[in-house]
C-alpha atoms as a PDB file:
ATOM      1  CA  MET A   1       9.539  37.666  -0.616  1.00  0.00           C
ATOM      2  CA  ASP A   2       7.149  34.446  -1.310  1.00  0.00           C
ATOM      3  CA  VAL A   3       6.111  32.454  -4.169  1.00  0.00           C
ATOM      4  CA  HIS A   4       3.001  34.666  -4.554  1.00  0.00           C
ATOM      5  CA  GLN A   5       4.892  38.000  -5.121  1.00  0.00           C
ATOM      6  CA  LEU A   6       6.997  35.974  -7.910  1.00  0.00           C
ATOM      7  CA  GLU A   7       3.879  34.937  -9.671  1.00  0.00           C
ATOM      8  CA  VAL A   8       2.560  38.432  -9.572  1.00  0.00           C
ATOM      9  CA  PHE A   9       5.939  39.786 -10.754  1.00  0.00           C
ATOM     10  CA  LEU A  10       5.635  37.344 -13.801  1.00  0.00           C
ATOM     11  CA  SER A  11       2.418  37.981 -14.522  1.00  0.00           C
ATOM     12  CA  VAL A  12       3.482  41.730 -15.260  1.00  0.00           C
ATOM     13  CA  LEU A  13       6.719  40.810 -16.988  1.00  0.00           C
ATOM     14  CA  ASP A  14       4.962  38.438 -19.252  1.00  0.00           C
ATOM     15  CA  THR A  15       1.846  40.865 -20.159  1.00  0.00           C
ATOM     16  CA  GLY A  16       3.754  44.103 -20.225  1.00  0.00           C
ATOM     17  CA  SER A  17       1.323  45.798 -18.101  1.00  0.00           C
ATOM     18  CA  VAL A  18       0.163  45.917 -14.524  1.00  0.00           C
ATOM     19  CA  THR A  19      -3.546  45.890 -15.611  1.00  0.00           C
ATOM     20  CA  ARG A  20      -3.415  42.809 -17.750  1.00  0.00           C
ATOM     21  CA  GLY A  21      -1.109  41.208 -15.218  1.00  0.00           C
ATOM     22  CA  ALA A  22      -3.554  41.902 -12.397  1.00  0.00           C
ATOM     23  CA  GLU A  23      -6.126  40.052 -14.492  1.00  0.00           C
ATOM     24  CA  ARG A  24      -4.056  37.131 -14.891  1.00  0.00           C
ATOM     25  CA  VAL A  25      -3.532  36.641 -11.169  1.00  0.00           C
ATOM     26  CA  HIS A  26      -7.158  37.792 -10.450  1.00  0.00           C
ATOM     27  CA  LEU A  27      -5.968  40.870  -8.278  1.00  0.00           C
ATOM     28  CA  SER A  28      -6.721  44.476  -8.591  1.00  0.00           C
ATOM     29  CA  PRO A  29      -4.230  46.917 -10.558  1.00  0.00           C
ATOM     30  CA  ALA A  30      -3.364  48.297  -6.871  1.00  0.00           C
ATOM     31  CA  ALA A  31      -2.983  45.248  -5.074  1.00  0.00           C
ATOM     32  CA  VAL A  32      -0.521  44.345  -8.010  1.00  0.00           C
ATOM     33  CA  SER A  33       1.548  47.327  -7.618  1.00  0.00           C
ATOM     34  CA  LEU A  34       1.972  46.877  -3.989  1.00  0.00           C
ATOM     35  CA  GLN A  35       3.352  43.469  -4.451  1.00  0.00           C
ATOM     36  CA  LEU A  36       5.981  44.909  -6.884  1.00  0.00           C
ATOM     37  CA  GLN A  37       6.898  47.601  -4.669  1.00  0.00           C
ATOM     38  CA  GLY A  38       7.299  45.103  -1.634  1.00  0.00           C
ATOM     39  CA  LEU A  39       9.129  42.748  -3.973  1.00  0.00           C
ATOM     40  CA  ALA A  40      11.491  45.725  -5.132  1.00  0.00           C
ATOM     41  CA  GLU A  41      12.224  46.933  -1.656  1.00  0.00           C
ATOM     42  CA  HIS A  42      13.108  43.291  -0.526  1.00  0.00           C
ATOM     43  CA  LEU A  43      15.463  42.799  -3.189  1.00  0.00           C
ATOM     44  CA  GLN A  44      16.770  46.636  -3.042  1.00  0.00           C
ATOM     45  CA  THR A  45      16.565  46.752  -6.903  1.00  0.00           C
ATOM     46  CA  GLU A  46      14.319  48.653  -9.706  1.00  0.00           C
ATOM     47  CA  LEU A  47      12.429  45.624 -11.419  1.00  0.00           C
ATOM     48  CA  PHE A  48      10.189  48.461 -13.786  1.00  0.00           C
ATOM     49  CA  VAL A  49      10.823  51.694 -15.129  1.00  0.00           C
ATOM     50  CA  ARG A  50       7.969  53.876 -16.680  1.00  0.00           C
ATOM     51  CA  SER A  51       8.635  54.908 -20.355  1.00  0.00           C
ATOM     52  CA  GLY A  52       5.629  56.987 -21.454  1.00  0.00           C
ATOM     53  CA  ARG A  53       2.509  55.040 -20.819  1.00  0.00           C
ATOM     54  CA  LYS A  54       4.698  51.719 -21.171  1.00  0.00           C
ATOM     55  CA  LEU A  55       6.203  49.706 -18.195  1.00  0.00           C
ATOM     56  CA  ALA A  56       9.664  48.434 -19.260  1.00  0.00           C
ATOM     57  CA  PRO A  57      11.479  45.777 -17.197  1.00  0.00           C
ATOM     58  CA  THR A  58      15.042  46.382 -16.049  1.00  0.00           C
ATOM     59  CA  SER A  59      17.947  44.288 -16.746  1.00  0.00           C
ATOM     60  CA  MET A  60      17.594  42.944 -12.900  1.00  0.00           C
ATOM     61  CA  ALA A  61      13.889  41.844 -13.874  1.00  0.00           C
ATOM     62  CA  TYR A  62      14.948  39.571 -16.425  1.00  0.00           C
ATOM     63  CA  ARG A  63      17.829  38.004 -13.985  1.00  0.00           C
ATOM     64  CA  LEU A  64      14.941  37.698 -11.510  1.00  0.00           C
ATOM     65  CA  ALA A  65      12.510  36.155 -13.887  1.00  0.00           C
ATOM     66  CA  GLU A  66      15.016  33.206 -14.361  1.00  0.00           C
ATOM     67  CA  HIS A  67      15.320  32.434 -10.787  1.00  0.00           C
ATOM     68  CA  ALA A  68      11.307  32.787 -10.376  1.00  0.00           C
ATOM     69  CA  ARG A  69      10.444  30.540 -12.936  1.00  0.00           C
ATOM     70  CA  THR A  70      12.796  27.868 -11.434  1.00  0.00           C
ATOM     71  CA  VAL A  71      11.363  28.396  -8.243  1.00  0.00           C
ATOM     72  CA  ILE A  72       7.610  28.554  -9.205  1.00  0.00           C
ATOM     73  CA  ASP A  73       8.040  25.378 -11.359  1.00  0.00           C
ATOM     74  CA  GLN A  74       9.536  23.451  -8.140  1.00  0.00           C
ATOM     75  CA  MET A  75       6.916  24.502  -6.111  1.00  0.00           C
ATOM     76  CA  ARG A  76       4.410  23.131  -8.608  1.00  0.00           C
ATOM     77  CA  ARG A  77       6.590  19.842  -8.519  1.00  0.00           C
ATOM     78  CA  ILE A  78       6.227  19.645  -4.646  1.00  0.00           C
ATOM     79  CA  GLU A  79       2.429  20.086  -5.092  1.00  0.00           C
ATOM     80  CA  SER A  80       1.841  17.652  -7.571  1.00  0.00           C
ATOM     81  CA  ASP A  81       4.211  15.072  -5.873  1.00  0.00           C
ATOM     82  CA  PHE A  82       2.246  15.514  -2.692  1.00  0.00           C
ATOM     83  CA  HIS A  83      -1.069  16.386  -3.505  1.00  0.00           C
ATOM     84  CA  GLY A  84      -1.755  15.467  -7.342  1.00  0.00           C
ATOM     85  CA  ALA A  85      -4.194  12.841  -8.628  1.00  0.00           C
ATOM     86  CA  ALA A  86      -2.999   9.027  -8.589  1.00  0.00           C
ATOM     87  CA  GLN A  87      -2.324   9.083 -12.292  1.00  0.00           C
ATOM     88  CA  GLU A  88      -0.048  11.918 -11.747  1.00  0.00           C
ATOM     89  CA  ASP A  89       1.819  10.160  -8.708  1.00  0.00           C
ATOM     90  CA  THR A  90       5.623   9.082  -9.795  1.00  0.00           C
ATOM     91  CA  ARG A  91       6.991   8.495  -6.287  1.00  0.00           C
ATOM     92  CA  PRO A  92       7.702   4.794  -5.659  1.00  0.00           C
ATOM     93  CA  PHE A  93       4.737   2.634  -4.343  1.00  0.00           C
ATOM     94  CA  HIS A  94       5.513  -0.163  -1.779  1.00  0.00           C
ATOM     95  CA  PHE A  95       3.127  -3.148  -1.474  1.00  0.00           C
ATOM     96  CA  ALA A  96       3.497  -5.845   1.176  1.00  0.00           C
ATOM     97  CA  THR A  97       1.692  -9.323   0.795  1.00  0.00           C
ATOM     98  CA  GLY A  98       1.863 -12.557   2.308  1.00  0.00           C
ATOM     99  CA  VAL A  99       3.285 -15.250  -0.167  1.00  0.00           C
ATOM    100  CA  THR A 100       0.277 -17.663  -0.503  1.00  0.00           C
ATOM    101  CA  THR A 101      -2.146 -14.780  -1.331  1.00  0.00           C
ATOM    102  CA  LEU A 102       0.442 -13.321  -3.798  1.00  0.00           C
ATOM    103  CA  VAL A 103       0.986 -16.906  -5.496  1.00  0.00           C
ATOM    104  CA  TYR A 104      -2.604 -17.716  -5.762  1.00  0.00           C
ATOM    105  CA  ARG A 105      -4.790 -14.665  -5.745  1.00  0.00           C
ATOM    106  CA  LEU A 106      -2.884 -11.461  -6.643  1.00  0.00           C
ATOM    107  CA  GLY A 107      -1.731 -12.514 -10.273  1.00  0.00           C
ATOM    108  CA  ARG A 108      -4.385 -10.616 -12.170  1.00  0.00           C
ATOM    109  CA  PRO A 109      -4.796  -7.809 -10.060  1.00  0.00           C
ATOM    110  CA  LEU A 110      -1.176  -6.891  -9.998  1.00  0.00           C
ATOM    111  CA  ARG A 111      -0.967  -7.388 -13.886  1.00  0.00           C
ATOM    112  CA  MET A 112      -4.113  -4.859 -14.297  1.00  0.00           C
ATOM    113  CA  LEU A 113      -2.236  -2.662 -11.873  1.00  0.00           C
ATOM    114  CA  ARG A 114       0.813  -2.299 -13.882  1.00  0.00           C
ATOM    115  CA  LYS A 115      -1.258  -1.678 -16.766  1.00  0.00           C
ATOM    116  CA  GLN A 116      -3.117   0.854 -15.342  1.00  0.00           C
ATOM    117  CA  TYR A 117       0.013   2.618 -13.812  1.00  0.00           C
ATOM    118  CA  PRO A 118       2.899   1.649 -16.176  1.00  0.00           C
ATOM    119  CA  GLN A 119       4.862   4.949 -14.820  1.00  0.00           C
ATOM    120  CA  THR A 120       4.670   3.683 -11.312  1.00  0.00           C
ATOM    121  CA  GLU A 121       7.430   2.326  -9.736  1.00  0.00           C
ATOM    122  CA  LEU A 122       5.500  -0.525  -7.833  1.00  0.00           C
ATOM    123  CA  HIS A 123       7.466  -2.709  -5.452  1.00  0.00           C
ATOM    124  CA  VAL A 124       6.010  -5.672  -3.946  1.00  0.00           C
ATOM    125  CA  THR A 125       7.492  -7.513  -0.564  1.00  0.00           C
ATOM    126  CA  VAL A 126       6.584 -10.840   0.372  1.00  0.00           C
ATOM    127  CA  ALA A 127       6.301 -10.838   4.306  1.00  0.00           C
ATOM    128  CA  ASN A 128       4.126 -12.164   7.053  1.00  0.00           C
ATOM    129  CA  THR A 129       1.304  -9.957   8.529  1.00  0.00           C
ATOM    130  CA  GLU A 130       3.233  -8.922  11.640  1.00  0.00           C
ATOM    131  CA  GLU A 131       6.472  -7.485   9.382  1.00  0.00           C
ATOM    132  CA  ILE A 132       3.837  -5.890   7.263  1.00  0.00           C
ATOM    133  CA  VAL A 133       2.159  -4.136  10.165  1.00  0.00           C
ATOM    134  CA  ALA A 134       5.552  -3.108  11.385  1.00  0.00           C
ATOM    135  CA  GLY A 135       6.362  -1.783   7.788  1.00  0.00           C
ATOM    136  CA  LEU A 136       3.244   0.207   7.679  1.00  0.00           C
ATOM    137  CA  LEU A 137       3.913   1.692  11.059  1.00  0.00           C
ATOM    138  CA  ASP A 138       7.709   2.381  10.033  1.00  0.00           C
ATOM    139  CA  ARG A 139       6.349   3.789   6.623  1.00  0.00           C
ATOM    140  CA  HIS A 140       8.171   1.539   4.584  1.00  0.00           C
ATOM    141  CA  PHE A 141       5.121   0.192   3.082  1.00  0.00           C
ATOM    142  CA  ASP A 142       2.241   2.125   1.724  1.00  0.00           C
ATOM    143  CA  LEU A 143      -0.114  -0.702   1.759  1.00  0.00           C
ATOM    144  CA  GLY A 144      -0.435  -4.420   2.993  1.00  0.00           C
ATOM    145  CA  LEU A 145      -2.371  -7.257   2.503  1.00  0.00           C
ATOM    146  CA  ILE A 146      -2.693  -9.027   5.930  1.00  0.00           C
ATOM    147  CA  SER A 147      -4.446 -11.677   8.272  1.00  0.00           C
ATOM    148  CA  LEU A 148      -6.683 -10.175  10.831  1.00  0.00           C
ATOM    149  CA  PRO A 149      -7.249  -9.603  13.477  1.00  0.00           C
ATOM    150  CA  VAL A 150      -4.410  -6.716  14.236  1.00  0.00           C
ATOM    151  CA  SER A 151      -4.714  -4.787  17.494  1.00  0.00           C
ATOM    152  CA  GLU A 152      -2.488  -1.655  16.315  1.00  0.00           C
ATOM    153  CA  PRO A 153      -5.151   1.335  16.653  1.00  0.00           C
ATOM    154  CA  THR A 154      -3.155   3.556  14.051  1.00  0.00           C
ATOM    155  CA  ILE A 155      -4.003   0.962  11.393  1.00  0.00           C
ATOM    156  CA  THR A 156      -6.767   0.950   8.964  1.00  0.00           C
ATOM    157  CA  THR A 157      -7.978  -2.280   7.198  1.00  0.00           C
ATOM    158  CA  ILE A 158     -10.138  -2.667   4.594  1.00  0.00           C
ATOM    159  CA  PRO A 159     -11.976  -6.404   4.591  1.00  0.00           C
ATOM    160  CA  LEU A 160     -11.377  -8.206   1.612  1.00  0.00           C
ATOM    161  CA  PHE A 161     -12.492 -12.088   1.952  1.00  0.00           C
ATOM    162  CA  ASP A 162     -12.438 -15.238   3.935  1.00  0.00           C
ATOM    163  CA  GLU A 163     -10.216 -18.068   3.277  1.00  0.00           C
ATOM    164  CA  ASP A 164     -10.753 -21.659   4.638  1.00  0.00           C
ATOM    165  CA  LEU A 165      -7.922 -23.146   6.816  1.00  0.00           C
ATOM    166  CA  LEU A 166      -8.066 -26.936   6.184  1.00  0.00           C
ATOM    167  CA  VAL A 167      -6.358 -29.808   8.167  1.00  0.00           C
ATOM    168  CA  VAL A 168      -3.466 -31.798   6.118  1.00  0.00           C
ATOM    169  CA  ARG A 169      -2.516 -35.230   7.187  1.00  0.00           C
ATOM    170  CA  PRO A 170       0.280 -37.318   5.554  1.00  0.00           C
ATOM    171  CA  SER A 171      -0.668 -40.018   2.906  1.00  0.00           C
ATOM    172  CA  GLN A 172       1.209 -43.185   1.954  1.00  0.00           C
ATOM    173  CA  THR A 173      -0.063 -42.845  -1.811  1.00  0.00           C
ATOM    174  CA  LYS A 174      -0.422 -39.629  -4.090  1.00  0.00           C
ATOM    175  CA  VAL A 175      -3.694 -37.968  -3.591  1.00  0.00           C
ATOM    176  CA  ARG A 176      -5.402 -36.084  -6.366  1.00  0.00           C
ATOM    177  CA  GLY A 177      -5.497 -32.368  -5.722  1.00  0.00           C
ATOM    178  CA  GLY A 178      -9.166 -30.907  -5.190  1.00  0.00           C
ATOM    179  CA  GLN A 179     -10.522 -33.993  -2.855  1.00  0.00           C
ATOM    180  CA  ILE A 180     -11.567 -32.536   0.344  1.00  0.00           C
ATOM    181  CA  GLY A 181     -12.451 -35.091   3.112  1.00  0.00           C
ATOM    182  CA  SER A 182     -13.855 -34.501   6.943  1.00  0.00           C
ATOM    183  CA  ILE A 183     -11.898 -35.035  10.103  1.00  0.00           C
ATOM    184  CA  ARG A 184     -13.438 -35.198  13.653  1.00  0.00           C
ATOM    185  CA  VAL A 185     -12.049 -33.004  16.605  1.00  0.00           C
ATOM    186  CA  SER A 186     -11.400 -36.127  18.394  1.00  0.00           C
ATOM    187  CA  ASP A 187      -9.015 -37.348  15.694  1.00  0.00           C
ATOM    188  CA  LEU A 188      -6.835 -34.118  16.332  1.00  0.00           C
ATOM    189  CA  ALA A 189      -6.083 -34.571  19.816  1.00  0.00           C
ATOM    190  CA  ARG A 190      -2.826 -36.972  20.173  1.00  0.00           C
ATOM    191  CA  VAL A 191      -1.226 -36.553  16.700  1.00  0.00           C
ATOM    192  CA  PRO A 192       2.104 -34.412  15.867  1.00  0.00           C
ATOM    193  CA  TRP A 193       1.528 -30.964  14.629  1.00  0.00           C
ATOM    194  CA  LEU A 194       3.684 -28.788  12.110  1.00  0.00           C
ATOM    195  CA  LEU A 195       2.821 -25.211  12.885  1.00  0.00           C
ATOM    196  CA  TYR A 196       3.395 -21.725  12.317  1.00  0.00           C
ATOM    197  CA  PRO A 197       5.553 -20.058  14.721  1.00  0.00           C
ATOM    198  CA  LYS A 198       3.877 -18.685  18.176  1.00  0.00           C
ATOM    199  CA  GLN A 199       4.297 -14.940  17.111  1.00  0.00           C
ATOM    200  CA  SER A 200       2.635 -15.422  13.834  1.00  0.00           C
ATOM    201  CA  ASN A 201      -1.065 -14.073  13.252  1.00  0.00           C
ATOM    202  CA  MET A 202      -1.652 -17.534  11.670  1.00  0.00           C
ATOM    203  CA  ARG A 203      -0.803 -19.492  14.658  1.00  0.00           C
ATOM    204  CA  THR A 204      -2.930 -16.938  16.783  1.00  0.00           C
ATOM    205  CA  ILE A 205      -6.098 -18.291  14.611  1.00  0.00           C
ATOM    206  CA  ILE A 206      -4.954 -21.881  14.875  1.00  0.00           C
ATOM    207  CA  ASP A 207      -4.158 -21.603  18.773  1.00  0.00           C
ATOM    208  CA  ALA A 208      -7.737 -19.901  19.369  1.00  0.00           C
ATOM    209  CA  PHE A 209      -9.259 -22.909  17.481  1.00  0.00           C
ATOM    210  CA  PHE A 210      -7.520 -25.526  19.744  1.00  0.00           C
ATOM    211  CA  ALA A 211      -8.462 -23.648  22.867  1.00  0.00           C
ATOM    212  CA  GLN A 212     -11.957 -23.574  21.721  1.00  0.00           C
ATOM    213  CA  VAL A 213     -12.160 -27.449  21.065  1.00  0.00           C
ATOM    214  CA  GLY A 214     -10.337 -28.088  24.178  1.00  0.00           C
ATOM    215  CA  ILE A 215      -7.335 -29.456  22.755  1.00  0.00           C
ATOM    216  CA  GLU A 216      -3.346 -29.098  23.733  1.00  0.00           C
ATOM    217  CA  PRO A 217      -1.677 -29.869  20.457  1.00  0.00           C
ATOM    218  CA  ASN A 218       1.504 -31.632  20.607  1.00  0.00           C
ATOM    219  CA  VAL A 219       3.682 -29.355  18.407  1.00  0.00           C
ATOM    220  CA  ALA A 220       6.508 -31.575  17.238  1.00  0.00           C
ATOM    221  CA  MET A 221       7.891 -28.651  14.895  1.00  0.00           C
ATOM    222  CA  GLU A 222       7.369 -24.821  13.655  1.00  0.00           C
ATOM    223  CA  ALA A 223       8.018 -23.426  10.320  1.00  0.00           C
ATOM    224  CA  ALA A 224       7.095 -19.773   9.071  1.00  0.00           C
ATOM    225  CA  ASP A 225       6.821 -20.859   5.106  1.00  0.00           C
ATOM    226  CA  THR A 226       3.690 -22.616   3.989  1.00  0.00           C
ATOM    227  CA  GLU A 227       5.532 -24.564   1.141  1.00  0.00           C
ATOM    228  CA  ALA A 228       8.203 -25.991   3.844  1.00  0.00           C
ATOM    229  CA  ILE A 229       5.267 -27.072   5.902  1.00  0.00           C
ATOM    230  CA  LYS A 230       3.527 -29.000   2.990  1.00  0.00           C
ATOM    231  CA  ARG A 231       6.810 -31.056   2.213  1.00  0.00           C
ATOM    232  CA  LEU A 232       7.418 -31.967   6.036  1.00  0.00           C
ATOM    233  CA  VAL A 233       3.660 -32.962   6.105  1.00  0.00           C
ATOM    234  CA  GLU A 234       4.122 -35.173   2.992  1.00  0.00           C
ATOM    235  CA  SER A 235       7.526 -36.596   4.552  1.00  0.00           C
ATOM    236  CA  GLY A 236       5.370 -38.100   7.375  1.00  0.00           C
ATOM    237  CA  PHE A 237       6.484 -35.659  10.039  1.00  0.00           C
ATOM    238  CA  GLY A 238       2.931 -34.675  11.213  1.00  0.00           C
ATOM    239  CA  TYR A 239      -0.449 -32.903  10.594  1.00  0.00           C
ATOM    240  CA  SER A 240      -0.866 -29.344   9.780  1.00  0.00           C
ATOM    241  CA  ILE A 241      -3.669 -26.671   9.434  1.00  0.00           C
ATOM    242  CA  LEU A 242      -3.031 -24.394   5.996  1.00  0.00           C
ATOM    243  CA  PRO A 243      -4.727 -22.040   4.012  1.00  0.00           C
ATOM    244  CA  ALA A 244      -7.059 -23.445   1.140  1.00  0.00           C
ATOM    245  CA  PHE A 245      -5.787 -21.371  -1.450  1.00  0.00           C
ATOM    246  CA  SER A 246      -2.048 -22.865  -0.980  1.00  0.00           C
ATOM    247  CA  LEU A 247      -3.629 -26.453  -1.336  1.00  0.00           C
ATOM    248  CA  LYS A 248      -5.164 -26.091  -4.666  1.00  0.00           C
ATOM    249  CA  GLY A 249      -4.790 -28.125  -7.862  1.00  0.00           C
ATOM    250  CA  GLN A 250      -1.664 -30.599  -7.352  1.00  0.00           C
ATOM    251  CA  SER A 251      -1.404 -34.393  -6.632  1.00  0.00           C
ATOM    252  CA  ARG A 252       0.435 -34.445  -3.141  1.00  0.00           C
ATOM    253  CA  PHE A 253       0.990 -37.099  -0.450  1.00  0.00           C
ATOM    254  CA  PHE A 254      -1.136 -35.696   1.942  1.00  0.00           C
ATOM    255  CA  HIS A 255      -5.012 -35.900   2.690  1.00  0.00           C
ATOM    256  CA  THR A 256      -7.005 -32.547   3.027  1.00  0.00           C
ATOM    257  CA  MET A 257      -9.931 -32.083   5.307  1.00  0.00           C
ATOM    258  CA  ARG A 258     -12.340 -29.934   6.827  1.00  0.00           C
ATOM    259  CA  ILE A 259     -12.969 -30.212  10.819  1.00  0.00           C
ATOM    260  CA  ALA A 260     -16.658 -31.649  10.979  1.00  0.00           C
ATOM    261  CA  GLY A 261     -18.845 -29.363  12.691  1.00  0.00           C
ATOM    262  CA  HIS A 262     -16.346 -26.238  12.382  1.00  0.00           C
ATOM    263  CA  LYS A 263     -15.436 -23.849  10.206  1.00  0.00           C
ATOM    264  CA  LEU A 264     -12.051 -22.601  10.404  1.00  0.00           C
ATOM    265  CA  VAL A 265     -11.258 -19.332   8.722  1.00  0.00           C
ATOM    266  CA  ARG A 266      -8.733 -16.527   8.356  1.00  0.00           C
ATOM    267  CA  ASN A 267      -9.921 -12.925   7.146  1.00  0.00           C
ATOM    268  CA  GLN A 268      -7.995 -11.066   4.977  1.00  0.00           C
ATOM    269  CA  ALA A 269      -7.826  -7.675   4.392  1.00  0.00           C
ATOM    270  CA  LEU A 270      -5.882  -4.672   3.462  1.00  0.00           C
ATOM    271  CA  ALA A 271      -4.256  -2.389   5.721  1.00  0.00           C
ATOM    272  CA  MET A 272      -2.807   1.132   5.617  1.00  0.00           C
ATOM    273  CA  VAL A 273      -1.736   3.563   8.183  1.00  0.00           C
ATOM    274  CA  ASN A 274      -4.520   5.889   9.302  1.00  0.00           C
ATOM    275  CA  ALA A 275      -3.038   9.062   8.188  1.00  0.00           C
ATOM    276  CA  ALA A 276      -4.572  12.578   8.396  1.00  0.00           C
ATOM    277  CA  TYR A 277      -3.709  13.007   4.876  1.00  0.00           C
ATOM    278  CA  PRO A 278      -3.653   9.844   2.899  1.00  0.00           C
ATOM    279  CA  ARG A 279      -1.859   9.299  -0.498  1.00  0.00           C
ATOM    280  CA  ALA A 280      -4.311   9.546  -3.243  1.00  0.00           C
ATOM    281  CA  LEU A 281      -2.472   6.746  -5.111  1.00  0.00           C
ATOM    282  CA  THR A 282      -2.749   4.099  -2.046  1.00  0.00           C
ATOM    283  CA  LEU A 283      -6.454   4.956  -2.022  1.00  0.00           C
ATOM    284  CA  THR A 284      -6.905   4.323  -5.499  1.00  0.00           C
ATOM    285  CA  ILE A 285      -4.516   0.764  -5.559  1.00  0.00           C
ATOM    286  CA  ALA A 286      -6.543  -0.211  -2.374  1.00  0.00           C
ATOM    287  CA  ASP A 287      -9.864   0.157  -4.310  1.00  0.00           C
ATOM    288  CA  HIS A 288      -8.419  -1.633  -7.288  1.00  0.00           C
ATOM    289  CA  ILE A 289      -7.452  -4.502  -5.389  1.00  0.00           C
ATOM    290  CA  ARG A 290     -10.742  -4.580  -3.299  1.00  0.00           C
ATOM    291  CA  ARG A 291     -12.912  -4.705  -6.548  1.00  0.00           C
ATOM    292  CA  SER A 292     -10.515  -7.378  -8.067  1.00  0.00           C
ATOM    293  CA  LEU A 293     -10.548  -9.904  -5.209  1.00  0.00           C
ATOM    294  CA  GLN A 294     -14.385  -9.740  -4.397  1.00  0.00           C
END
């Protein structure tokens, strides 16, 4: 017995005729009769009896119909859950991003997303790139916004934008937000640095720059949180290199500078697992965020 047999059975029961039932399921009357015969033999029960020219269902046919409708409805729910359009997808959706991008770039895109998919249970997790990639591989996240590069071959990325990385150094007086100066590479050599942890993607980018310009940085302290690093710089503990979006707008006790002759950036991208059957909602949300941020 299979679902197709149950659908054929219900088509005959609902129409009261093998011929009309066959038309509904796009089969020949002979094929429908064979399906009904096979179903009756499998269940060891009589489903229809002839009364003149009419086909009358038995009490067991009505009992089977109750089960058949439940099974077919559940099968359709399963198919819709896994293969339905994005608008029909009601499963929870898990999106992960870094805190800086969330605070400074994703406000409007996420508001639009909630408006477009009001029935979707959307979960947002704040994490660093390494945690996001691990979560994607473990299928804890459907989609992530990360910093490149990522060497994991099973991760597919969609480039979004480049974000400047700027040097910040302490100031004795408050500096108005939006002022960006310039600093020479030689001025970076013998100062204390407050940097992201060694295992982070941001630190990889920064260390690659230092290696390129021949500087061995004096790392006085490490911290994973951008806001914590900003406060430590303001308190006079050292210099740092931070994403430009995290430095916008506010007056603060540090100077913000670009490095003369060098453009230091981090590449931001959406990331998802390279699956044979990607979730339609993941592709739709990825496209929505990409268009919103470009």
